[in-house]
Protein backbone atom coordinates (compact mmCIF):
# COMPACT_ATOMS: atom_id res chain seq x y z
CA MET A 1 -31.09 51.89 -137.54
CA ALA A 2 -28.66 48.88 -138.32
CA ARG A 3 -28.03 46.50 -135.32
CA ARG A 4 -24.32 46.15 -134.22
CA PRO A 5 -22.73 42.49 -133.97
CA LEU A 6 -21.77 41.46 -130.73
CA PRO A 7 -18.46 41.11 -129.59
CA ARG A 8 -16.82 37.76 -130.24
CA ILE A 9 -15.71 37.02 -126.50
CA LEU A 10 -20.01 37.09 -126.08
CA SER A 11 -20.93 35.12 -129.17
CA ASN A 12 -19.17 32.16 -128.25
CA GLY A 13 -18.34 33.44 -124.69
CA SER A 14 -21.11 30.77 -123.28
CA ALA A 15 -18.94 27.50 -124.32
CA THR A 16 -15.77 28.87 -123.29
CA ILE A 17 -17.44 29.39 -119.56
CA ALA A 18 -19.30 26.08 -119.76
CA ARG A 19 -15.73 24.68 -120.50
CA SER A 20 -13.78 26.64 -117.43
CA ARG A 21 -16.85 25.46 -114.95
CA ASP A 22 -16.51 21.88 -115.64
CA MET A 23 -12.24 22.33 -115.43
CA ALA A 24 -12.74 24.12 -112.14
CA ARG A 25 -15.22 21.66 -110.69
CA THR A 26 -12.88 18.70 -111.82
CA ALA A 27 -10.44 20.37 -109.71
CA ALA A 28 -12.28 21.02 -106.87
CA ASP A 29 -12.96 17.30 -107.10
CA GLY A 30 -9.73 16.22 -107.15
CA ALA A 31 -8.33 18.52 -104.81
CA THR A 32 -11.51 17.45 -102.17
CA ASP A 33 -10.22 13.56 -102.87
CA VAL A 34 -6.26 14.40 -102.03
CA LEU A 35 -6.80 16.48 -99.52
CA HIS A 36 -9.26 14.20 -97.93
CA PRO A 37 -6.96 13.49 -95.11
CA LEU A 38 -6.06 16.73 -93.87
CA ILE A 39 -9.57 17.56 -94.02
CA THR A 40 -10.66 15.12 -91.78
CA VAL A 41 -7.98 15.69 -89.64
CA SER A 42 -8.92 19.72 -89.27
CA ARG A 43 -12.22 18.38 -88.68
CA GLY A 44 -11.43 16.08 -85.74
CA LEU A 45 -9.59 18.91 -84.21
CA ARG A 46 -12.37 21.34 -84.37
CA ARG A 47 -14.38 18.94 -83.02
CA LEU A 48 -11.99 17.93 -80.22
CA ALA A 49 -11.54 22.03 -79.18
CA ALA A 50 -15.42 22.09 -79.03
CA ALA A 51 -15.72 19.40 -77.01
CA GLY A 52 -13.01 20.67 -74.53
CA ARG A 53 -14.46 23.93 -74.32
CA HIS A 54 -18.07 22.62 -73.38
CA LYS A 55 -16.14 20.04 -70.82
CA TRP A 56 -14.35 23.52 -69.77
CA ALA A 57 -18.05 25.63 -69.47
CA ASP A 58 -19.30 22.59 -67.61
CA THR A 59 -17.02 22.06 -64.98
CA PRO A 60 -17.70 24.10 -61.45
CA LYS A 61 -15.31 27.33 -60.84
CA GLU A 62 -13.91 25.02 -57.92
CA ARG A 63 -12.76 22.49 -60.28
CA ARG A 64 -10.81 24.23 -62.63
CA GLY A 65 -7.57 24.79 -60.46
CA PRO A 66 -7.52 20.89 -60.00
CA LEU A 67 -8.05 20.14 -63.56
CA LEU A 68 -5.42 22.71 -64.63
CA PHE A 69 -2.69 21.32 -62.53
CA LEU A 70 -3.73 18.07 -63.64
CA VAL A 71 -3.37 18.94 -67.17
CA ALA A 72 -0.03 20.87 -66.64
CA ALA A 73 1.32 17.52 -64.79
CA VAL A 74 0.50 15.15 -67.95
CA VAL A 75 1.87 18.05 -70.52
CA LEU A 76 5.05 17.88 -68.20
CA VAL A 77 5.35 13.77 -67.96
CA VAL A 78 5.01 13.69 -71.91
CA VAL A 79 7.73 16.17 -72.32
CA PHE A 80 10.11 15.05 -70.47
CA ILE A 81 9.60 11.02 -71.26
CA PRO A 82 11.24 9.80 -74.34
CA TYR A 83 9.80 9.96 -77.37
CA GLY A 84 7.23 11.49 -75.84
CA PRO A 85 5.89 14.71 -77.55
CA LEU A 86 5.97 12.55 -80.99
CA LEU A 87 4.00 9.86 -79.16
CA ALA A 88 1.03 12.61 -77.91
CA LEU A 89 1.16 14.00 -81.53
CA ILE A 90 0.39 11.06 -83.39
CA THR A 91 -2.40 10.13 -80.62
CA LEU A 92 -3.77 13.68 -80.95
CA MET A 93 -3.49 13.18 -84.84
CA ALA A 94 -5.46 9.39 -84.85
CA ALA A 95 -8.24 10.89 -81.97
CA ALA A 96 -8.84 14.17 -84.56
CA GLY A 97 -8.88 11.54 -87.38
CA TRP A 98 -12.00 8.89 -85.89
CA LYS A 99 -13.45 11.66 -84.69
CA GLY A 100 -13.95 14.07 -87.69
CA ARG A 101 -14.94 10.71 -89.97
CA ASP A 102 -18.09 11.72 -91.92
CA PRO A 103 -20.57 9.84 -89.37
CA LYS A 104 -22.95 7.44 -91.19
CA PRO A 105 -26.45 8.27 -91.41
CA PRO A 106 -28.60 6.16 -88.61
CA GLU A 107 -30.24 3.00 -90.03
CA GLN A 108 -34.14 2.87 -89.70
CA THR A 109 -34.95 0.08 -87.44
CA GLY A 110 -38.97 0.66 -87.82
CA PRO A 111 -41.46 1.10 -90.69
CA ASP A 112 -41.83 4.75 -91.78
CA ASP A 113 -45.11 6.77 -92.28
CA SER A 114 -46.19 5.16 -95.15
CA GLN A 115 -45.96 1.31 -93.70
CA VAL A 116 -46.88 2.66 -90.38
CA GLN A 117 -50.75 3.69 -92.12
CA ARG A 118 -50.51 0.24 -94.00
CA LEU A 119 -50.30 -1.60 -90.99
CA SER A 120 -53.04 0.66 -88.97
CA SER A 121 -55.48 0.24 -91.89
CA LEU A 122 -54.83 -3.57 -91.61
CA TYR A 123 -55.65 -3.29 -88.30
CA GLU A 124 -58.70 -1.26 -87.99
CA ALA A 125 -59.75 -3.83 -90.76
CA LEU A 126 -59.69 -7.08 -88.92
CA VAL A 127 -61.15 -4.92 -85.91
CA PRO A 128 -64.65 -6.70 -86.55
CA TYR A 129 -63.54 -9.90 -87.39
CA PHE A 130 -61.40 -10.37 -84.38
CA SER A 131 -63.43 -8.99 -81.62
CA VAL A 132 -66.29 -9.55 -79.55
CA ALA A 133 -67.85 -6.83 -77.39
CA ASP A 134 -67.58 -8.31 -74.31
CA ASP A 135 -64.04 -9.06 -74.46
CA PRO A 136 -62.75 -7.48 -71.26
CA SER A 137 -58.98 -6.61 -72.53
CA PRO A 138 -59.28 -6.88 -76.42
CA LEU A 139 -56.70 -7.62 -78.68
CA TYR A 140 -58.31 -5.42 -81.37
CA ALA A 141 -60.08 -2.59 -81.03
CA HIS A 142 -61.32 0.61 -82.87
CA GLY A 143 -57.75 2.68 -82.40
CA GLY A 144 -56.01 0.10 -80.41
CA ASP A 145 -52.34 -0.53 -80.78
CA TRP A 146 -51.76 -2.75 -84.27
CA GLU A 147 -48.25 -3.13 -82.64
CA LYS A 148 -49.34 -5.80 -79.90
CA ALA A 149 -51.58 -7.65 -82.71
CA PHE A 150 -48.64 -7.53 -85.55
CA GLU A 151 -45.44 -9.34 -84.03
CA THR A 152 -42.90 -9.30 -87.19
CA PHE A 153 -43.42 -7.73 -90.55
CA ASP A 154 -41.22 -7.25 -93.87
CA PHE A 155 -42.25 -4.88 -96.44
CA ASP A 156 -40.92 -4.92 -100.20
CA GLY A 157 -39.51 -2.19 -102.09
CA ASP A 158 -42.77 -0.77 -102.83
CA SER A 159 -43.42 -0.34 -99.06
CA ARG A 160 -46.03 -3.78 -99.75
CA VAL A 161 -46.19 -6.09 -97.19
CA ASP A 162 -44.20 -8.90 -97.99
CA ARG A 163 -44.40 -11.04 -94.71
CA ILE A 164 -46.41 -10.61 -91.79
CA ASP A 165 -47.39 -12.57 -88.66
CA ILE A 166 -50.47 -11.89 -86.59
CA ARG A 167 -51.92 -12.67 -83.48
CA TYR A 168 -55.83 -13.24 -82.95
CA PRO A 169 -57.92 -13.93 -79.96
CA ALA A 170 -58.34 -17.69 -78.83
CA TYR A 171 -61.86 -17.39 -79.61
CA PHE A 172 -61.85 -16.58 -82.84
CA THR A 173 -63.12 -19.70 -85.15
CA ASP A 174 -60.08 -20.87 -86.64
CA GLY A 175 -61.19 -23.96 -87.08
CA GLU A 176 -63.71 -23.65 -89.45
CA ALA A 177 -63.34 -23.21 -92.97
CA ALA A 178 -65.67 -20.43 -93.53
CA SER A 179 -64.22 -18.21 -90.81
CA ARG A 180 -60.87 -18.64 -92.26
CA ALA A 181 -61.85 -18.10 -96.01
CA ARG A 182 -63.48 -14.64 -94.47
CA ILE A 183 -59.98 -13.35 -92.89
CA GLU A 184 -57.81 -14.84 -96.04
CA GLN A 185 -60.14 -12.98 -98.46
CA LEU A 186 -59.44 -9.69 -96.15
CA LEU A 187 -56.00 -10.00 -96.10
CA HIS A 188 -55.68 -10.67 -100.11
CA ALA A 189 -57.69 -7.05 -100.45
CA LYS A 190 -55.82 -4.82 -97.85
CA LEU A 191 -52.47 -6.55 -98.38
CA GLY A 192 -52.69 -5.83 -102.39
CA ARG A 193 -54.67 -8.13 -105.23
CA GLY A 194 -52.09 -9.35 -107.91
CA ARG A 195 -50.05 -11.22 -105.76
CA GLU A 196 -50.32 -14.81 -104.56
CA TYR A 197 -50.13 -15.13 -100.32
CA HIS A 198 -49.55 -18.24 -98.81
CA PHE A 199 -51.84 -18.50 -95.32
CA ALA A 200 -50.47 -20.91 -92.33
CA TRP A 201 -52.92 -20.85 -89.40
CA ASP A 202 -51.34 -21.95 -86.26
CA GLU A 203 -54.16 -22.99 -84.18
CA GLU A 204 -52.55 -24.11 -81.38
CA GLY A 205 -50.62 -20.87 -81.07
CA ASN A 206 -53.18 -18.60 -82.05
CA HIS A 207 -50.98 -17.00 -84.62
CA LEU A 208 -51.21 -16.57 -88.74
CA THR A 209 -48.46 -16.00 -90.90
CA VAL A 210 -49.16 -14.67 -94.34
CA ASN A 211 -46.39 -15.18 -96.97
CA VAL A 212 -45.91 -13.56 -100.46
CA LEU A 213 -45.32 -16.39 -103.16
CA ASP A 214 -43.07 -15.93 -106.14
CA PRO A 215 -44.37 -16.64 -108.91
CA LEU A 216 -44.28 -20.11 -110.58
CA PRO A 217 -41.76 -20.38 -113.18
CA THR A 218 -43.63 -20.89 -117.07
CA ASP A 219 -40.43 -20.83 -119.29
CA ILE A 220 -39.97 -24.70 -118.73
CA ALA A 221 -40.58 -26.90 -121.42
CA ALA A 222 -40.91 -31.10 -121.64
CA GLN A 223 -37.77 -32.30 -121.49
CA PRO A 224 -36.13 -35.63 -120.00
CA PHE A 225 -36.87 -35.61 -116.08
CA VAL A 226 -34.15 -36.98 -113.60
CA THR A 227 -36.62 -39.25 -112.05
CA SER A 228 -36.41 -43.53 -111.40
CA PRO A 229 -39.33 -45.88 -112.83
CA GLY A 230 -42.59 -45.51 -111.79
CA GLU A 231 -42.31 -41.84 -110.85
CA THR A 232 -43.83 -38.93 -113.14
CA VAL A 233 -43.26 -35.02 -113.10
CA LEU A 234 -46.97 -33.67 -112.92
CA GLY A 235 -44.90 -30.32 -112.76
CA PHE A 236 -42.98 -27.30 -110.65
CA THR A 237 -44.70 -26.04 -107.41
CA ASP A 238 -42.96 -23.68 -104.42
CA GLY A 239 -39.46 -24.59 -102.73
CA THR A 240 -41.37 -24.69 -99.19
CA GLY A 241 -43.66 -27.36 -100.18
CA VAL A 242 -41.26 -30.23 -101.34
CA GLN A 243 -38.21 -31.22 -100.28
CA ARG A 244 -36.96 -32.33 -103.35
CA THR A 245 -35.36 -30.23 -106.76
CA LEU A 246 -34.76 -31.45 -109.96
CA PRO A 247 -32.07 -29.88 -112.52
CA VAL A 248 -34.42 -28.48 -115.60
CA LEU A 249 -33.44 -26.60 -118.48
CA ALA A 250 -34.95 -23.61 -119.00
CA GLY A 251 -34.28 -21.51 -122.26
CA GLU A 252 -30.45 -22.08 -122.32
CA GLU A 253 -30.33 -21.69 -118.18
CA GLU A 254 -30.14 -24.58 -116.26
CA ARG A 255 -31.38 -24.83 -112.71
CA ASP A 256 -32.77 -26.60 -109.70
CA VAL A 257 -36.64 -26.52 -109.51
CA PRO A 258 -38.68 -28.07 -107.04
CA PRO A 259 -41.35 -30.63 -108.72
CA VAL A 260 -44.69 -32.07 -107.44
CA VAL A 261 -43.94 -36.60 -108.36
CA TRP A 262 -46.36 -38.86 -108.28
CA ARG A 263 -45.37 -41.92 -107.73
CA THR A 264 -47.37 -45.26 -109.41
CA GLY A 265 -47.03 -49.33 -109.40
CA VAL A 266 -47.03 -51.56 -106.92
CA ARG A 267 -46.41 -50.05 -103.80
CA SER A 268 -47.95 -46.33 -104.80
CA THR A 269 -51.44 -45.21 -102.46
CA GLU A 270 -52.19 -42.86 -105.28
CA PRO A 271 -52.54 -45.38 -108.27
CA HIS A 272 -54.50 -43.50 -110.70
CA LEU A 273 -55.42 -39.63 -111.37
CA LEU A 274 -58.15 -37.09 -112.24
CA VAL A 275 -57.35 -33.97 -113.63
CA ALA A 276 -60.31 -31.51 -114.14
CA GLY A 277 -60.06 -27.94 -115.84
CA GLN A 278 -62.20 -24.90 -118.05
CA PRO A 279 -61.45 -25.47 -121.59
CA GLY A 280 -57.71 -24.12 -122.77
CA SER A 281 -56.48 -24.62 -119.16
CA GLY A 282 -53.98 -27.13 -120.46
CA THR A 283 -55.93 -30.28 -119.50
CA THR A 284 -54.63 -32.05 -122.86
CA SER A 285 -50.81 -30.78 -122.66
CA PHE A 286 -51.02 -32.49 -119.11
CA LEU A 287 -52.42 -35.51 -120.27
CA ARG A 288 -49.44 -35.26 -123.68
CA SER A 289 -46.77 -34.68 -121.01
CA VAL A 290 -47.35 -37.63 -118.45
CA ALA A 291 -47.52 -39.58 -122.12
CA LEU A 292 -44.35 -38.71 -122.85
CA GLN A 293 -42.84 -39.54 -119.60
CA ALA A 294 -44.65 -43.24 -119.32
CA LEU A 295 -43.26 -43.84 -122.83
CA ARG A 296 -39.95 -44.20 -121.27
CA HIS A 297 -40.69 -47.50 -119.43
CA GLY A 298 -44.28 -48.29 -120.41
CA ASP A 299 -46.85 -48.98 -122.72
CA VAL A 300 -49.81 -45.77 -123.37
CA LEU A 301 -53.16 -46.39 -124.27
CA ILE A 302 -54.81 -42.96 -125.48
CA ILE A 303 -58.57 -42.53 -125.87
CA GLU A 304 -59.56 -39.03 -126.74
CA GLY A 305 -63.39 -37.74 -126.20
CA GLY A 306 -62.97 -34.72 -127.89
CA GLY A 307 -61.92 -35.86 -131.30
CA THR A 308 -59.53 -33.09 -131.99
CA GLY A 309 -56.76 -34.91 -133.07
CA ASP A 310 -54.07 -33.51 -130.11
CA TYR A 311 -52.54 -36.79 -129.44
CA ALA A 312 -51.88 -37.24 -134.01
CA CYS A 313 -48.03 -37.09 -133.11
CA LEU A 314 -48.04 -39.99 -131.17
CA VAL A 315 -50.02 -42.16 -132.98
CA GLY A 316 -48.01 -45.26 -134.95
CA ARG A 317 -44.65 -44.55 -132.13
CA SER A 318 -42.73 -46.88 -130.75
CA GLY A 319 -44.85 -48.13 -126.91
CA VAL A 320 -48.54 -46.39 -128.24
CA LEU A 321 -50.70 -49.19 -128.44
CA ALA A 322 -53.43 -47.05 -129.86
CA VAL A 323 -54.93 -43.62 -130.01
CA GLU A 324 -58.51 -44.17 -130.26
CA CYS A 325 -61.19 -41.33 -131.38
CA GLY A 326 -64.48 -43.00 -132.07
CA LEU A 327 -66.70 -44.49 -130.08
CA ALA A 328 -66.41 -48.03 -131.21
CA GLY A 329 -62.39 -47.68 -130.97
CA ALA A 330 -62.78 -46.70 -127.47
CA LEU A 331 -64.88 -49.88 -126.41
CA THR A 332 -62.32 -52.62 -128.08
CA SER A 333 -59.39 -50.85 -126.55
CA LEU A 334 -61.15 -50.56 -122.86
CA GLU A 335 -62.35 -54.08 -123.29
CA TRP A 336 -58.79 -55.40 -124.20
CA ALA A 337 -57.11 -53.34 -121.28
CA ALA A 338 -59.55 -55.02 -118.67
CA HIS A 339 -59.13 -58.23 -119.87
CA GLU A 340 -55.10 -57.03 -119.71
CA THR A 341 -55.81 -56.71 -116.21
CA GLU A 342 -57.13 -59.82 -115.26
CA ARG A 343 -54.37 -61.56 -117.73
CA ARG A 344 -51.97 -59.57 -115.63
CA LEU A 345 -53.30 -60.14 -112.24
CA ILE A 346 -54.06 -64.45 -112.89
CA ALA A 347 -50.12 -64.57 -114.24
CA ALA A 348 -48.57 -62.55 -111.03
CA ASN A 349 -50.94 -64.76 -109.15
CA ARG A 350 -49.78 -68.09 -110.63
CA ALA A 351 -46.19 -67.28 -110.28
CA ARG A 352 -46.57 -66.51 -106.52
CA GLN A 353 -48.25 -69.67 -105.75
CA ALA A 354 -45.18 -71.70 -107.53
CA GLY A 355 -42.77 -69.30 -105.81
CA HIS A 356 -41.17 -67.97 -109.44
CA PRO A 357 -40.45 -64.28 -109.94
CA THR A 358 -43.18 -62.16 -111.99
CA PRO A 359 -43.00 -62.79 -115.70
CA ASP A 360 -41.37 -60.38 -117.68
CA ASP A 361 -44.78 -59.87 -119.49
CA ILE A 362 -46.16 -58.25 -116.60
CA LYS A 363 -43.33 -56.29 -115.58
CA ARG A 364 -43.71 -53.23 -117.97
CA PRO A 365 -46.03 -50.55 -116.78
CA LEU A 366 -49.24 -50.28 -119.03
CA TRP A 367 -50.98 -46.60 -119.33
CA ILE A 368 -54.43 -46.17 -119.86
CA LEU A 369 -55.12 -42.07 -121.03
CA LEU A 370 -58.77 -40.65 -121.74
CA ASP A 371 -59.55 -37.53 -122.35
CA ARG A 372 -63.32 -36.23 -121.80
CA PRO A 373 -64.30 -39.69 -121.38
CA SER A 374 -68.31 -37.64 -120.58
CA ALA A 375 -68.31 -36.94 -124.66
CA LEU A 376 -67.72 -41.01 -125.42
CA GLY A 377 -70.29 -41.61 -123.10
CA HIS A 378 -73.17 -39.39 -124.72
CA LEU A 379 -72.47 -41.28 -128.05
CA ALA A 380 -72.55 -44.18 -126.85
CA ALA A 381 -75.94 -43.23 -124.58
CA ALA A 382 -77.64 -42.09 -128.09
CA ASP A 383 -76.16 -44.76 -129.45
CA GLY A 384 -77.75 -47.39 -127.34
CA ARG A 385 -73.65 -48.62 -126.02
CA LYS A 386 -72.40 -49.09 -122.67
CA ASP A 387 -70.70 -45.98 -121.73
CA PRO A 388 -66.93 -46.77 -121.77
CA GLN A 389 -65.97 -45.92 -118.20
CA THR A 390 -67.78 -48.86 -117.32
CA LEU A 391 -64.94 -50.48 -118.75
CA LEU A 392 -62.08 -48.82 -116.53
CA GLN A 393 -63.66 -50.91 -113.29
CA VAL A 394 -61.10 -53.55 -113.28
CA PRO A 395 -58.61 -51.41 -114.24
CA LEU A 396 -59.10 -48.74 -111.58
CA ARG A 397 -59.92 -51.44 -108.70
CA HIS A 398 -57.03 -53.96 -109.71
CA GLY A 399 -54.54 -51.59 -111.41
CA ARG A 400 -52.10 -51.52 -108.69
CA ALA A 401 -51.27 -54.61 -108.31
CA ALA A 402 -51.62 -55.46 -112.28
CA GLY A 403 -48.85 -52.27 -113.15
CA VAL A 404 -52.15 -50.92 -115.01
CA THR A 405 -52.66 -46.91 -114.54
CA VAL A 406 -55.46 -44.72 -115.00
CA VAL A 407 -55.23 -41.16 -115.86
CA VAL A 408 -58.64 -39.35 -116.96
CA ALA A 409 -58.69 -35.98 -117.49
CA GLU A 410 -62.45 -33.82 -117.68
CA GLN A 411 -63.67 -30.58 -117.74
CA PHE A 412 -65.59 -28.97 -114.70
CA ASP A 413 -68.68 -29.08 -116.32
CA SER A 414 -69.05 -32.82 -117.15
CA LEU A 415 -67.87 -34.07 -113.82
CA ASP A 416 -70.99 -35.33 -112.92
CA ALA A 417 -70.93 -37.39 -116.00
CA LEU A 418 -67.84 -39.75 -114.17
CA ILE A 419 -69.11 -42.76 -112.58
CA ASP A 420 -68.53 -43.43 -109.10
CA PRO A 421 -65.39 -46.13 -109.59
CA VAL A 422 -63.94 -43.01 -111.46
CA ARG A 423 -63.82 -40.79 -108.64
CA GLN A 424 -63.32 -43.38 -105.64
CA HIS A 425 -60.11 -44.83 -107.34
CA THR A 426 -58.83 -41.14 -108.59
CA ARG A 427 -57.13 -39.98 -105.61
CA ALA A 428 -54.68 -38.34 -107.10
CA ARG A 429 -56.30 -35.30 -108.36
CA VAL A 430 -54.88 -31.95 -110.39
CA VAL A 431 -57.16 -28.70 -111.45
CA LEU A 432 -55.77 -26.21 -113.82
CA GLY A 433 -57.05 -23.12 -114.94
CA PRO A 434 -59.59 -20.39 -112.94
CA ALA A 435 -61.11 -22.27 -110.26
CA SER A 436 -63.83 -21.25 -107.99
CA PRO A 437 -63.69 -22.54 -103.93
CA GLU A 438 -66.82 -24.99 -104.45
CA GLU A 439 -65.00 -26.46 -107.71
CA LEU A 440 -61.77 -26.81 -106.04
CA ARG A 441 -63.43 -28.48 -102.91
CA ASP A 442 -64.88 -30.92 -104.92
CA VAL A 443 -62.09 -32.49 -107.40
CA LEU A 444 -59.25 -31.77 -104.01
CA GLY A 445 -61.24 -32.32 -101.31
CA THR A 446 -60.25 -29.07 -99.83
CA VAL A 447 -59.42 -25.47 -100.26
CA PRO A 448 -55.69 -24.37 -100.94
CA GLN A 449 -53.68 -22.28 -98.74
CA THR A 450 -53.05 -19.67 -101.33
CA THR A 451 -55.00 -17.11 -103.28
CA PRO A 452 -55.72 -17.50 -106.83
CA THR A 453 -53.29 -15.80 -109.18
CA ALA A 454 -54.44 -12.69 -111.01
CA ASP A 455 -53.61 -13.85 -114.53
CA THR A 456 -53.54 -17.61 -114.53
CA PRO A 457 -51.39 -19.19 -117.78
CA ALA A 458 -51.97 -22.47 -119.60
CA GLY A 459 -50.83 -24.85 -117.22
CA ARG A 460 -51.48 -23.36 -114.00
CA GLY A 461 -53.27 -24.99 -111.27
CA TYR A 462 -53.18 -27.02 -108.48
CA ALA A 463 -52.32 -30.66 -107.18
CA ARG A 464 -52.90 -32.81 -104.55
CA LEU A 465 -51.91 -36.64 -103.91
CA GLY A 466 -54.75 -38.40 -101.65
CA ASN A 467 -54.55 -36.49 -98.20
CA GLY A 468 -51.60 -34.76 -98.58
CA PRO A 469 -51.45 -31.26 -99.00
CA VAL A 470 -52.21 -28.49 -101.74
CA HIS A 471 -49.29 -28.15 -103.75
CA ARG A 472 -49.38 -24.97 -106.41
CA LEU A 473 -48.37 -26.44 -110.07
CA GLN A 474 -47.03 -25.23 -112.92
CA VAL A 475 -47.04 -28.31 -115.72
CA PRO A 476 -44.17 -27.99 -118.37
CA ALA A 477 -44.71 -26.84 -122.08
CA THR A 478 -46.11 -29.77 -123.40
CA PRO A 479 -47.91 -28.13 -127.00
CA ASP A 480 -49.14 -30.09 -129.96
CA PRO A 481 -46.10 -30.15 -132.20
CA TYR A 482 -48.39 -30.08 -134.99
CA ASP A 483 -49.97 -26.94 -134.33
CA ASP A 484 -48.91 -24.07 -136.20
CA ALA A 485 -49.47 -21.73 -133.17
CA THR A 486 -47.00 -23.92 -131.26
CA SER A 487 -43.26 -21.85 -131.28
CA GLU A 488 -40.19 -23.66 -132.81
CA ALA A 489 -38.50 -23.80 -129.59
CA HIS A 490 -41.45 -25.91 -127.81
CA ARG A 491 -41.98 -28.10 -131.22
CA GLN A 492 -38.53 -29.41 -131.09
CA ALA A 493 -38.65 -30.33 -127.34
CA VAL A 494 -41.65 -32.36 -127.76
CA THR A 495 -40.70 -34.03 -131.36
CA ALA A 496 -37.06 -34.57 -129.12
CA LEU A 497 -39.18 -36.80 -126.53
CA LEU A 498 -41.37 -38.42 -129.21
CA PRO A 499 -40.49 -42.37 -129.53
CA GLU A 500 -39.73 -43.98 -132.89
CA ARG A 501 -42.55 -44.87 -135.53
CA SER A 502 -42.68 -48.22 -135.30
CA THR A 503 -45.93 -48.33 -137.57
CA PRO A 504 -46.40 -46.08 -140.61
CA ALA A 505 -48.50 -43.13 -139.28
CA ASP A 506 -51.38 -44.06 -142.21
CA ALA A 507 -51.09 -47.63 -141.03
CA ALA A 508 -51.71 -47.42 -137.71
CA VAL A 509 -55.24 -45.77 -138.55
CA GLU A 510 -57.56 -48.46 -138.75
CA HIS A 511 -60.20 -48.25 -141.57
CA VAL A 512 -63.55 -47.99 -139.84
CA PRO A 513 -66.30 -48.68 -142.32
CA ASP A 514 -68.62 -46.19 -143.68
CA GLU A 515 -71.43 -47.53 -141.73
CA ALA A 516 -69.62 -46.98 -138.56
CA PHE A 517 -69.43 -43.25 -139.81
CA SER A 518 -73.16 -43.23 -140.68
CA ASP A 519 -74.09 -44.20 -137.15
CA GLU A 520 -71.87 -42.21 -135.42
CA ALA A 521 -73.37 -38.88 -137.84
CA GLU A 522 -77.10 -40.12 -136.60
CA ALA A 523 -75.28 -40.04 -132.79
CA LEU A 524 -74.65 -37.05 -132.95
CA ALA A 525 -77.90 -35.72 -135.38
CA GLU A 526 -79.90 -36.69 -132.08
CA ARG A 527 -77.95 -34.67 -129.72
């Protein structure tokens, strides 16, 4: 049997019905907007009438008569005074409009159920650490009140603790680093990994404040920073750690960022610096950043022990005295640096004795940058020569008075090869890359009050100047412009800071006899 076609009204009626519904909904919304004042007044009149009925029902019977008499007297007075009914109507409409407005939902003043569960779990986890068995009135007890222990707390959009102020009993050994480390490790696990936390211990008031730190900017490349002579920007840190900001360019955006500024010169208390890190952590880029800043006002001598050629972009540049990669050149350059330090001291002493100003030829700062001196030390030991580090004793001990600054970069596995004068006189310290608490304490002298980041980018670490606080540090991106893996933006940023060439690159490389190459090859073979 052939099927009969559907009527046309049924075949295309769904679209018509949908359009009709949209038109009806739009008309209803428009009518609601137009009639909103009338709806509000009507709702208010209804609520006022309901309130009047409740008031009449709650009034005792013996008081209803006087109440009716009072209402009638008020109505009579309103009727006979000029413009009384009109004023009464306006007052009634205003009261109805106020009463009929949409009430705002009550704002939540406390944590919700999930946040309460997080705080309770954190409280229970702290009980074994902040309680003892013979405490008559324990602040921390299983099933206790967490509101007494957590005074203030803030949550982020994901209901994770963003800031919390924790009270702890006075008998807790907060003066011991091991006890604090246990609490910090526990809080790091319970508050959520993947974020960096700052722990502020108030030992006098028995309070611990935990804050979530914002990630440090990694989009700042090398650039001419606004600093005075004798100031070097090591990197950038949190706004709470320093009281100064620098204008920087991050891409095409200009913003103010708090820096870690290292001051060198005659009045510096930390005239020399040691930077340590793992391979690939950014120590070479750090030295390259320091060199580019030092060339603005001084001369630079670079000793590269790794022999990777990461400083080839500085060869032959104005202000770069030498870039040495071999043992013979390193020994010669460092011996000259020691004699230059002595010459500067003698010249300055003679000028002071004669009552003359400091000569101009010793005013220009001299920077000695050593990248992995332990590698050259192994070569020297194999070849029967003296360690190049021994030539640093004079610049390290008398460099501040002579305007000589020494910066040494070494890897963690070779820190034991550093001689005692290097460790004693490099009081400004930087650690880059992932490091254990023992490695941080060995280099910085203490453990930072922050948790390590989950993903450590290149140039990320900590800095401490002398006995000051430990700062989080992000070194400005200063890659090798000759490296193929360098982005075009970073290559242009570094190239723009390079001084002009004073000597052709090929002429700046000293010719080394073949015998020297054979000697170094034999030394490497013996290793």
